[in-house]
């Protein structure tokens, strides 16, 4: 088993490396932003399709077939 000071040094080294990598990526938040925008566009698209389907269905039900 590792002594606690060795474990502490390893954890700090890992944290330093993670922070360094995060700073070196200029697009570090881009993926989350893309997911949120894509989700909003998908919801908007489904809403529009739902409205169109409802209007077409209402119009089709209003057709008099003379029978």
N, C-alpha and C. Protein backbone atom coordinates (compact mmCIF):
# COMPACT_ATOMS: atom_id res chain seq x y z
N UNK A 1 0.84 -1.18 0.00
CA UNK A 1 0.00 0.00 0.00
C UNK A 1 0.89 1.24 0.00
N UNK A 2 0.46 2.29 -0.74
CA UNK A 2 1.23 3.52 -0.82
C UNK A 2 1.16 4.30 0.48
N UNK A 3 2.24 4.94 0.86
CA UNK A 3 2.16 5.89 1.97
C UNK A 3 1.31 7.09 1.54
N UNK A 4 0.71 7.76 2.47
CA UNK A 4 -0.20 8.87 2.15
C UNK A 4 0.50 10.01 1.43
N UNK A 5 1.74 10.30 1.77
CA UNK A 5 2.43 11.40 1.08
C UNK A 5 2.67 11.07 -0.39
N UNK A 6 2.94 9.82 -0.71
CA UNK A 6 3.11 9.42 -2.11
C UNK A 6 1.78 9.53 -2.86
N UNK A 7 0.73 9.09 -2.23
CA UNK A 7 -0.60 9.19 -2.83
C UNK A 7 -0.98 10.65 -3.05
N UNK A 8 -0.65 11.51 -2.09
CA UNK A 8 -0.93 12.94 -2.20
C UNK A 8 -0.16 13.54 -3.38
N UNK A 9 1.12 13.19 -3.52
CA UNK A 9 1.93 13.70 -4.62
C UNK A 9 1.39 13.23 -5.98
N UNK A 10 0.97 11.97 -6.05
CA UNK A 10 0.41 11.46 -7.31
C UNK A 10 -0.89 12.17 -7.67
N UNK A 11 -1.74 12.40 -6.68
CA UNK A 11 -3.01 13.09 -6.92
C UNK A 11 -2.77 14.52 -7.38
N UNK A 12 -1.83 15.21 -6.74
CA UNK A 12 -1.52 16.59 -7.13
C UNK A 12 -0.91 16.64 -8.54
N UNK A 13 -0.06 15.70 -8.87
CA UNK A 13 0.53 15.66 -10.21
C UNK A 13 -0.55 15.41 -11.26
N UNK A 14 -1.47 14.53 -10.96
CA UNK A 14 -2.55 14.24 -11.89
C UNK A 14 -3.43 15.48 -12.08
N UNK A 15 -3.76 16.15 -10.98
CA UNK A 15 -4.59 17.35 -11.05
C UNK A 15 -3.89 18.45 -11.85
N UNK A 16 -2.60 18.60 -11.65
CA UNK A 16 -1.83 19.59 -12.42
C UNK A 16 -1.86 19.27 -13.91
N UNK A 17 -1.73 18.01 -14.25
CA UNK A 17 -1.77 17.59 -15.66
C UNK A 17 -3.15 17.83 -16.26
N UNK A 18 -4.20 17.54 -15.53
CA UNK A 18 -5.56 17.78 -16.03
C UNK A 18 -5.78 19.26 -16.27
N UNK A 19 -5.35 20.10 -15.33
CA UNK A 19 -5.50 21.55 -15.50
C UNK A 19 -4.69 22.06 -16.70
N UNK A 20 -3.48 21.54 -16.88
CA UNK A 20 -2.65 21.96 -18.00
C UNK A 20 -3.31 21.61 -19.33
N UNK A 21 -3.85 20.42 -19.40
CA UNK A 21 -4.52 19.99 -20.64
C UNK A 21 -5.77 20.82 -20.90
N UNK A 22 -6.50 21.16 -19.86
CA UNK A 22 -7.72 21.95 -20.02
C UNK A 22 -7.39 23.35 -20.53
N UNK A 23 -6.29 23.93 -20.05
CA UNK A 23 -5.90 25.27 -20.49
C UNK A 23 -5.36 25.28 -21.90
N UNK A 24 -4.79 24.19 -22.35
CA UNK A 24 -4.17 24.16 -23.67
C UNK A 24 -5.19 23.95 -24.78
N UNK A 25 -6.44 23.67 -24.43
CA UNK A 25 -7.48 23.47 -25.43
C UNK A 25 -8.33 24.72 -25.55
N UNK A 26 -8.25 25.45 -26.65
CA UNK A 26 -9.04 26.67 -26.79
C UNK A 26 -10.53 26.40 -26.95
N UNK A 27 -10.90 25.21 -27.36
CA UNK A 27 -12.31 24.87 -27.55
C UNK A 27 -12.84 24.07 -26.37
N UNK A 28 -12.38 24.37 -25.17
CA UNK A 28 -12.66 23.55 -24.00
C UNK A 28 -14.15 23.50 -23.63
N UNK A 29 -14.98 24.45 -23.98
CA UNK A 29 -16.39 24.40 -23.65
C UNK A 29 -17.26 24.22 -24.87
N UNK A 30 -16.64 24.07 -26.00
CA UNK A 30 -17.37 24.04 -27.27
C UNK A 30 -18.30 22.84 -27.37
N UNK A 31 -17.90 21.70 -26.87
CA UNK A 31 -18.72 20.51 -27.00
C UNK A 31 -20.03 20.66 -26.24
N UNK A 32 -19.98 21.17 -25.03
CA UNK A 32 -21.19 21.37 -24.24
C UNK A 32 -22.11 22.38 -24.92
N UNK A 33 -21.53 23.45 -25.43
CA UNK A 33 -22.33 24.47 -26.12
C UNK A 33 -23.00 23.87 -27.35
N UNK A 34 -22.28 23.06 -28.08
CA UNK A 34 -22.83 22.43 -29.28
C UNK A 34 -23.98 21.50 -28.92
N UNK A 35 -23.85 20.75 -27.85
CA UNK A 35 -24.91 19.83 -27.42
C UNK A 35 -26.16 20.60 -27.04
N UNK A 36 -26.01 21.68 -26.31
CA UNK A 36 -27.17 22.47 -25.88
C UNK A 36 -27.88 23.08 -27.08
N UNK A 37 -27.12 23.68 -27.99
CA UNK A 37 -27.72 24.29 -29.18
C UNK A 37 -28.41 23.24 -30.04
N UNK A 38 -27.78 22.09 -30.22
CA UNK A 38 -28.38 21.02 -31.01
C UNK A 38 -29.67 20.52 -30.38
N UNK A 39 -29.68 20.38 -29.06
CA UNK A 39 -30.89 19.93 -28.37
C UNK A 39 -32.01 20.95 -28.53
N UNK A 40 -31.69 22.23 -28.41
CA UNK A 40 -32.72 23.26 -28.60
C UNK A 40 -33.27 23.26 -30.02
N UNK A 41 -32.40 23.09 -31.00
CA UNK A 41 -32.86 23.02 -32.39
C UNK A 41 -33.72 21.79 -32.64
N UNK A 42 -33.38 20.68 -32.02
CA UNK A 42 -34.18 19.46 -32.17
C UNK A 42 -35.57 19.66 -31.57
N UNK A 43 -35.64 20.26 -30.39
CA UNK A 43 -36.95 20.52 -29.76
C UNK A 43 -37.76 21.48 -30.62
N UNK A 44 -37.13 22.52 -31.13
CA UNK A 44 -37.82 23.46 -31.99
C UNK A 44 -38.34 22.77 -33.26
N UNK A 45 -37.52 21.92 -33.85
CA UNK A 45 -37.94 21.19 -35.05
C UNK A 45 -39.11 20.26 -34.78
N UNK A 46 -39.07 19.54 -33.66
CA UNK A 46 -40.18 18.65 -33.31
C UNK A 46 -41.46 19.43 -33.05
N UNK A 47 -41.33 20.60 -32.45
CA UNK A 47 -42.50 21.45 -32.21
C UNK A 47 -43.13 21.91 -33.51
N UNK A 48 -42.30 22.35 -34.45
CA UNK A 48 -42.80 22.80 -35.75
C UNK A 48 -43.48 21.65 -36.49
N UNK A 49 -42.87 20.48 -36.48
CA UNK A 49 -43.47 19.32 -37.14
C UNK A 49 -44.80 18.98 -36.49
N UNK A 50 -44.88 19.05 -35.17
CA UNK A 50 -46.13 18.77 -34.47
C UNK A 50 -47.24 19.75 -34.85
N UNK A 51 -46.89 21.02 -34.97
CA UNK A 51 -47.88 22.03 -35.37
C UNK A 51 -48.36 21.77 -36.79
N UNK A 52 -47.45 21.47 -37.70
CA UNK A 52 -47.83 21.20 -39.09
C UNK A 52 -48.72 19.97 -39.17
N UNK A 53 -48.37 18.90 -38.46
CA UNK A 53 -49.18 17.68 -38.48
C UNK A 53 -50.58 17.97 -37.94
N UNK A 54 -50.67 18.74 -36.87
CA UNK A 54 -51.98 19.07 -36.30
C UNK A 54 -52.83 19.87 -37.28
N UNK A 55 -52.23 20.83 -37.98
CA UNK A 55 -52.98 21.64 -38.94
C UNK A 55 -53.41 20.81 -40.16
N UNK A 56 -52.53 19.96 -40.66
CA UNK A 56 -52.88 19.13 -41.82
C UNK A 56 -53.96 18.13 -41.44
N UNK A 57 -53.86 17.54 -40.25
CA UNK A 57 -54.88 16.60 -39.80
C UNK A 57 -56.23 17.28 -39.63
N UNK A 58 -56.24 18.47 -39.06
CA UNK A 58 -57.49 19.22 -38.90
C UNK A 58 -58.10 19.56 -40.25
N UNK A 59 -57.26 19.96 -41.19
CA UNK A 59 -57.76 20.30 -42.52
C UNK A 59 -58.31 19.05 -43.23
N UNK A 60 -57.61 17.90 -43.08
CA UNK A 60 -58.06 16.67 -43.71
C UNK A 60 -59.37 16.20 -43.09
N UNK A 61 -59.54 16.35 -41.80
CA UNK A 61 -60.79 15.96 -41.15
C UNK A 61 -61.95 16.86 -41.54
N UNK A 62 -61.64 18.07 -42.00
CA UNK A 62 -62.69 19.02 -42.40
C UNK A 62 -63.16 18.84 -43.84
N UNK A 63 -62.55 17.94 -44.59
CA UNK A 63 -62.96 17.71 -45.98
C UNK A 63 -64.27 16.95 -46.02
N UNK A 64 -65.23 17.49 -46.77
CA UNK A 64 -66.53 16.81 -46.93
C UNK A 64 -66.47 15.91 -48.16
N UNK A 65 -66.65 14.61 -47.92
CA UNK A 65 -66.58 13.66 -49.02
C UNK A 65 -67.95 13.40 -49.65
N UNK A 66 -68.97 14.08 -49.19
CA UNK A 66 -70.30 14.00 -49.78
C UNK A 66 -71.01 12.69 -49.51
N UNK A 67 -70.63 12.00 -48.49
CA UNK A 67 -71.24 10.71 -48.23
C UNK A 67 -71.94 10.67 -46.99
